[in-house]
Amino acid sequence: MKLLLDTCVWGGVRTDLVAAGHDVIWTGDWSEDPGDEEILAIAYNERRILVTLDKDFGELAIVRGIPHSGILRLVNFSSKQQSMVCLRVLTLYGNELASGAIVTAELGRVRIRPPNDP
């Protein structure tokens, strides 16, 4: 799966996802932060699922209608937990994410907003 990790996601997550066979870019490697809208556009243009801790991306996608290729938002997980949660969500909900869903993973629950859900 092609993924774009936001800077706020622990950089070690990339190592674990790559080891699991995913194609991963981490914005923390970029020389400067282009801003949320540009990050979302890059993910969309490259058909990458955006992984973030930031709820602003969901608002850009839902409220402003900015196109995306799926968003996974991690809520209240430690750096070490982020890899495990990403791998689990990608295994269980990868098809939904690949079809453009917004998936929010929290302790004890996962919420899925299908693409084009009003």
N, C-alpha and C. Protein backbone atom coordinates (compact mmCIF):
# COMPACT_ATOMS: atom_id res chain seq x y z
N MET A 1 0.84 -1.17 0.00
CA MET A 1 0.00 0.00 0.00
C MET A 1 0.90 1.24 0.00
N LYS A 2 0.49 2.28 -0.70
CA LYS A 2 1.23 3.53 -0.74
C LYS A 2 0.71 4.46 0.35
N LEU A 3 1.64 4.94 1.19
CA LEU A 3 1.28 5.76 2.34
C LEU A 3 2.13 7.01 2.40
N LEU A 4 1.53 8.07 2.93
CA LEU A 4 2.25 9.31 3.23
C LEU A 4 2.03 9.58 4.71
N LEU A 5 3.12 9.56 5.48
CA LEU A 5 3.03 9.81 6.92
C LEU A 5 3.26 11.30 7.18
N ASP A 6 2.35 11.89 7.90
CA ASP A 6 2.49 13.29 8.30
C ASP A 6 3.65 13.40 9.29
N THR A 7 4.22 14.58 9.41
CA THR A 7 5.34 14.83 10.31
C THR A 7 5.02 14.47 11.75
N CYS A 8 3.78 14.64 12.16
CA CYS A 8 3.39 14.38 13.54
C CYS A 8 3.39 12.90 13.89
N VAL A 9 3.44 12.03 12.89
CA VAL A 9 3.52 10.59 13.12
C VAL A 9 4.99 10.25 13.41
N TRP A 10 5.22 9.44 14.40
CA TRP A 10 6.57 9.05 14.79
C TRP A 10 7.32 8.45 13.60
N GLY A 11 8.52 8.91 13.35
CA GLY A 11 9.30 8.46 12.20
C GLY A 11 9.58 6.97 12.18
N GLY A 12 9.62 6.33 13.34
CA GLY A 12 9.84 4.90 13.40
C GLY A 12 8.72 4.09 12.78
N VAL A 13 7.55 4.69 12.64
CA VAL A 13 6.42 4.00 12.00
C VAL A 13 6.79 3.65 10.55
N ARG A 14 7.49 4.56 9.89
CA ARG A 14 7.90 4.31 8.50
C ARG A 14 8.71 3.03 8.40
N THR A 15 9.67 2.86 9.29
CA THR A 15 10.52 1.66 9.26
C THR A 15 9.67 0.40 9.38
N ASP A 16 8.72 0.40 10.30
CA ASP A 16 7.87 -0.78 10.51
C ASP A 16 6.96 -1.04 9.32
N LEU A 17 6.42 0.03 8.73
CA LEU A 17 5.53 -0.14 7.58
C LEU A 17 6.29 -0.61 6.34
N VAL A 18 7.48 -0.08 6.14
CA VAL A 18 8.31 -0.51 5.01
C VAL A 18 8.68 -1.99 5.19
N ALA A 19 9.03 -2.38 6.42
CA ALA A 19 9.37 -3.79 6.69
C ALA A 19 8.19 -4.71 6.39
N ALA A 20 6.97 -4.18 6.51
CA ALA A 20 5.76 -4.96 6.23
C ALA A 20 5.40 -4.93 4.74
N GLY A 21 6.22 -4.24 3.92
CA GLY A 21 6.01 -4.25 2.47
C GLY A 21 5.29 -3.04 1.90
N HIS A 22 5.07 -2.01 2.70
CA HIS A 22 4.38 -0.82 2.21
C HIS A 22 5.37 0.18 1.61
N ASP A 23 4.87 1.00 0.69
CA ASP A 23 5.62 2.08 0.05
C ASP A 23 5.31 3.34 0.86
N VAL A 24 6.31 3.84 1.60
CA VAL A 24 6.04 4.89 2.59
C VAL A 24 6.94 6.10 2.39
N ILE A 25 6.32 7.27 2.43
CA ILE A 25 7.03 8.55 2.47
C ILE A 25 6.66 9.22 3.79
N TRP A 26 7.65 9.82 4.46
CA TRP A 26 7.40 10.54 5.71
C TRP A 26 7.73 12.01 5.51
N THR A 27 6.77 12.89 5.77
CA THR A 27 6.99 14.32 5.54
C THR A 27 8.07 14.89 6.45
N GLY A 28 8.41 14.18 7.51
CA GLY A 28 9.49 14.61 8.39
C GLY A 28 10.84 14.65 7.69
N ASP A 29 10.96 13.97 6.56
CA ASP A 29 12.20 13.99 5.77
C ASP A 29 12.29 15.20 4.85
N TRP A 30 11.19 15.92 4.68
CA TRP A 30 11.19 17.06 3.76
C TRP A 30 11.90 18.25 4.40
N SER A 31 12.51 19.09 3.58
CA SER A 31 13.26 20.23 4.10
C SER A 31 12.35 21.28 4.74
N GLU A 32 11.10 21.35 4.28
CA GLU A 32 10.15 22.28 4.90
C GLU A 32 8.74 21.72 4.80
N ASP A 33 7.89 22.18 5.69
CA ASP A 33 6.50 21.74 5.73
C ASP A 33 5.70 22.59 4.73
N PRO A 34 5.13 21.98 3.69
CA PRO A 34 4.40 22.76 2.70
C PRO A 34 2.99 23.16 3.14
N GLY A 35 2.55 22.67 4.29
CA GLY A 35 1.22 22.99 4.79
C GLY A 35 0.25 21.85 4.50
N ASP A 36 -0.82 21.82 5.29
CA ASP A 36 -1.77 20.71 5.23
C ASP A 36 -2.41 20.52 3.85
N GLU A 37 -2.81 21.60 3.21
CA GLU A 37 -3.47 21.47 1.91
C GLU A 37 -2.54 20.86 0.88
N GLU A 38 -1.29 21.28 0.88
CA GLU A 38 -0.33 20.74 -0.08
C GLU A 38 0.01 19.28 0.24
N ILE A 39 0.12 18.95 1.50
CA ILE A 39 0.37 17.55 1.89
C ILE A 39 -0.77 16.67 1.40
N LEU A 40 -2.00 17.13 1.60
CA LEU A 40 -3.16 16.36 1.16
C LEU A 40 -3.16 16.23 -0.37
N ALA A 41 -2.79 17.30 -1.06
CA ALA A 41 -2.73 17.27 -2.53
C ALA A 41 -1.65 16.30 -3.03
N ILE A 42 -0.51 16.30 -2.37
CA ILE A 42 0.57 15.38 -2.76
C ILE A 42 0.11 13.93 -2.56
N ALA A 43 -0.49 13.66 -1.42
CA ALA A 43 -0.99 12.30 -1.15
C ALA A 43 -2.01 11.90 -2.21
N TYR A 44 -2.90 12.80 -2.55
CA TYR A 44 -3.93 12.51 -3.56
C TYR A 44 -3.31 12.27 -4.94
N ASN A 45 -2.41 13.15 -5.34
CA ASN A 45 -1.78 13.03 -6.66
C ASN A 45 -0.95 11.76 -6.80
N GLU A 46 -0.38 11.30 -5.69
CA GLU A 46 0.44 10.08 -5.72
C GLU A 46 -0.37 8.85 -5.29
N ARG A 47 -1.66 9.05 -5.07
CA ARG A 47 -2.55 7.97 -4.65
C ARG A 47 -2.06 7.28 -3.39
N ARG A 48 -1.70 8.09 -2.41
CA ARG A 48 -1.22 7.59 -1.12
C ARG A 48 -2.26 7.85 -0.04
N ILE A 49 -2.38 6.91 0.85
CA ILE A 49 -3.21 7.09 2.04
C ILE A 49 -2.42 7.96 3.00
N LEU A 50 -3.04 9.00 3.51
CA LEU A 50 -2.39 9.90 4.46
C LEU A 50 -2.59 9.37 5.87
N VAL A 51 -1.51 9.23 6.61
CA VAL A 51 -1.57 8.80 8.02
C VAL A 51 -1.16 10.01 8.85
N THR A 52 -2.01 10.38 9.80
CA THR A 52 -1.78 11.60 10.58
C THR A 52 -2.35 11.47 11.99
N LEU A 53 -1.97 12.40 12.84
CA LEU A 53 -2.59 12.54 14.16
C LEU A 53 -3.51 13.76 14.16
N ASP A 54 -3.45 14.52 13.10
CA ASP A 54 -4.07 15.84 12.98
C ASP A 54 -5.49 15.76 12.42
N LYS A 55 -6.45 16.28 13.17
CA LYS A 55 -7.84 16.25 12.70
C LYS A 55 -8.12 17.26 11.60
N ASP A 56 -7.20 18.19 11.37
CA ASP A 56 -7.40 19.21 10.34
C ASP A 56 -7.56 18.60 8.94
N PHE A 57 -6.91 17.48 8.67
CA PHE A 57 -7.02 16.87 7.34
C PHE A 57 -8.44 16.37 7.07
N GLY A 58 -9.07 15.81 8.08
CA GLY A 58 -10.47 15.38 7.92
C GLY A 58 -11.36 16.56 7.63
N GLU A 59 -11.10 17.68 8.31
CA GLU A 59 -11.90 18.88 8.08
C GLU A 59 -11.68 19.41 6.66
N LEU A 60 -10.44 19.38 6.18
CA LEU A 60 -10.18 19.82 4.81
C LEU A 60 -10.93 18.94 3.82
N ALA A 61 -10.91 17.65 4.07
CA ALA A 61 -11.57 16.71 3.15
C ALA A 61 -13.08 16.80 3.23
N ILE A 62 -13.63 16.88 4.43
CA ILE A 62 -15.09 16.84 4.61
C ILE A 62 -15.73 18.21 4.40
N VAL A 63 -15.25 19.20 5.12
CA VAL A 63 -15.88 20.53 5.07
C VAL A 63 -15.55 21.27 3.78
N ARG A 64 -14.29 21.22 3.37
CA ARG A 64 -13.87 21.97 2.18
C ARG A 64 -13.92 21.14 0.91
N GLY A 65 -14.11 19.84 1.05
CA GLY A 65 -14.24 18.98 -0.13
C GLY A 65 -12.96 18.76 -0.90
N ILE A 66 -11.82 18.93 -0.25
CA ILE A 66 -10.55 18.72 -0.93
C ILE A 66 -10.37 17.22 -1.16
N PRO A 67 -10.04 16.82 -2.39
CA PRO A 67 -9.94 15.38 -2.69
C PRO A 67 -8.77 14.72 -1.95
N HIS A 68 -8.93 13.44 -1.67
CA HIS A 68 -7.90 12.67 -0.99
C HIS A 68 -8.01 11.21 -1.42
N SER A 69 -7.00 10.44 -1.07
CA SER A 69 -6.97 9.02 -1.42
C SER A 69 -7.07 8.14 -0.19
N GLY A 70 -7.75 8.64 0.83
CA GLY A 70 -7.90 7.92 2.09
C GLY A 70 -7.07 8.58 3.17
N ILE A 71 -7.65 8.65 4.36
CA ILE A 71 -6.96 9.27 5.50
C ILE A 71 -7.12 8.34 6.70
N LEU A 72 -6.00 8.07 7.36
CA LEU A 72 -6.01 7.33 8.62
C LEU A 72 -5.55 8.27 9.71
N ARG A 73 -6.43 8.54 10.66
CA ARG A 73 -6.09 9.42 11.78
C ARG A 73 -5.95 8.58 13.04
N LEU A 74 -4.80 8.73 13.69
CA LEU A 74 -4.52 8.03 14.93
C LEU A 74 -4.75 8.98 16.09
N VAL A 75 -5.52 8.54 17.08
CA VAL A 75 -5.89 9.41 18.20
C VAL A 75 -5.38 8.83 19.51
N ASN A 76 -4.52 9.60 20.19
CA ASN A 76 -4.05 9.29 21.54
C ASN A 76 -3.29 7.97 21.66
N PHE A 77 -2.42 7.70 20.70
CA PHE A 77 -1.54 6.54 20.80
C PHE A 77 -0.12 7.03 21.03
N SER A 78 0.62 6.30 21.85
CA SER A 78 2.03 6.64 22.07
C SER A 78 2.80 6.38 20.77
N SER A 79 4.00 6.92 20.71
CA SER A 79 4.83 6.72 19.52
C SER A 79 4.99 5.23 19.22
N LYS A 80 5.26 4.45 20.23
CA LYS A 80 5.49 3.01 20.05
C LYS A 80 4.22 2.29 19.59
N GLN A 81 3.05 2.75 20.00
CA GLN A 81 1.79 2.12 19.62
C GLN A 81 1.39 2.44 18.18
N GLN A 82 1.87 3.54 17.64
CA GLN A 82 1.44 3.99 16.32
C GLN A 82 1.71 2.95 15.23
N SER A 83 2.87 2.30 15.26
CA SER A 83 3.18 1.28 14.25
C SER A 83 2.20 0.13 14.32
N MET A 84 1.98 -0.39 15.51
CA MET A 84 1.09 -1.53 15.68
C MET A 84 -0.32 -1.20 15.21
N VAL A 85 -0.80 -0.02 15.58
CA VAL A 85 -2.15 0.39 15.20
C VAL A 85 -2.24 0.58 13.68
N CYS A 86 -1.25 1.22 13.08
CA CYS A 86 -1.24 1.40 11.62
C CYS A 86 -1.31 0.05 10.91
N LEU A 87 -0.46 -0.86 11.30
CA LEU A 87 -0.42 -2.17 10.66
C LEU A 87 -1.75 -2.90 10.82
N ARG A 88 -2.33 -2.82 11.99
CA ARG A 88 -3.61 -3.50 12.25
C ARG A 88 -4.73 -2.88 11.41
N VAL A 89 -4.80 -1.55 11.41
CA VAL A 89 -5.86 -0.87 10.65
C VAL A 89 -5.69 -1.13 9.15
N LEU A 90 -4.47 -1.09 8.66
CA LEU A 90 -4.24 -1.36 7.23
C LEU A 90 -4.65 -2.78 6.86
N THR A 91 -4.42 -3.72 7.76
CA THR A 91 -4.83 -5.10 7.51
C THR A 91 -6.35 -5.22 7.49
N LEU A 92 -7.00 -4.63 8.47
CA LEU A 92 -8.45 -4.78 8.61
C LEU A 92 -9.25 -3.86 7.69
N TYR A 93 -8.76 -2.65 7.45
CA TYR A 93 -9.54 -1.64 6.74
C TYR A 93 -8.81 -1.05 5.53
N GLY A 94 -7.80 -1.75 5.04
CA GLY A 94 -7.04 -1.26 3.90
C GLY A 94 -7.89 -1.03 2.66
N ASN A 95 -8.85 -1.91 2.41
CA ASN A 95 -9.71 -1.73 1.24
C ASN A 95 -10.55 -0.47 1.35
N GLU A 96 -11.07 -0.21 2.55
CA GLU A 96 -11.87 1.00 2.77
C GLU A 96 -11.01 2.24 2.57
N LEU A 97 -9.80 2.23 3.15
CA LEU A 97 -8.90 3.37 2.99
C LEU A 97 -8.54 3.58 1.53
N ALA A 98 -8.22 2.49 0.83
CA ALA A 98 -7.85 2.59 -0.58
C ALA A 98 -8.99 3.12 -1.44
N SER A 99 -10.22 2.95 -0.98
CA SER A 99 -11.36 3.46 -1.74
C SER A 99 -11.70 4.90 -1.36
N GLY A 100 -10.90 5.51 -0.45
CA GLY A 100 -11.10 6.91 -0.12
C GLY A 100 -11.80 7.18 1.20
N ALA A 101 -11.89 6.18 2.06
CA ALA A 101 -12.53 6.38 3.37
C ALA A 101 -11.61 7.17 4.30
N ILE A 102 -12.23 7.75 5.32
CA ILE A 102 -11.48 8.37 6.41
C ILE A 102 -11.69 7.45 7.61
N VAL A 103 -10.58 6.92 8.13
CA VAL A 103 -10.64 6.00 9.25
C VAL A 103 -9.98 6.66 10.45
N THR A 104 -10.71 6.69 11.56
CA THR A 104 -10.18 7.24 12.80
C THR A 104 -10.01 6.10 13.79
N ALA A 105 -8.77 5.88 14.23
CA ALA A 105 -8.47 4.81 15.17
C ALA A 105 -8.20 5.42 16.54
N GLU A 106 -8.98 4.98 17.52
CA GLU A 106 -8.82 5.41 18.90
C GLU A 106 -8.69 4.17 19.76
N LEU A 107 -8.29 4.34 21.00
CA LEU A 107 -8.23 3.20 21.91
C LEU A 107 -9.61 2.58 22.02
N GLY A 108 -9.72 1.32 21.66
CA GLY A 108 -10.98 0.61 21.82
C GLY A 108 -12.00 0.78 20.72
N ARG A 109 -11.73 1.61 19.71
CA ARG A 109 -12.70 1.74 18.63
C ARG A 109 -12.08 2.31 17.36
N VAL A 110 -12.76 1.98 16.26
CA VAL A 110 -12.37 2.49 14.95
C VAL A 110 -13.64 3.04 14.30
N ARG A 111 -13.55 4.26 13.78
CA ARG A 111 -14.68 4.85 13.05
C ARG A 111 -14.29 4.96 11.58
N ILE A 112 -15.25 4.62 10.73
CA ILE A 112 -15.00 4.67 9.29
C ILE A 112 -16.02 5.59 8.64
N ARG A 113 -15.52 6.59 7.93
CA ARG A 113 -16.39 7.45 7.15
C ARG A 113 -16.15 7.10 5.68
N PRO A 114 -17.11 6.43 5.07
CA PRO A 114 -16.93 6.02 3.67
C PRO A 114 -16.77 7.23 2.76
N PRO A 115 -16.16 7.03 1.59
CA PRO A 115 -16.03 8.16 0.64
C PRO A 115 -17.42 8.65 0.24
N ASN A 116 -17.50 9.93 0.00
CA ASN A 116 -18.75 10.58 -0.42
C ASN A 116 -19.86 10.47 0.61
N ASP A 117 -19.52 10.24 1.88
CA ASP A 117 -20.52 10.19 2.95
C ASP A 117 -20.83 11.64 3.34
N PRO A 118 -22.10 12.04 3.28
CA PRO A 118 -22.43 13.44 3.57
C PRO A 118 -22.19 13.83 5.00
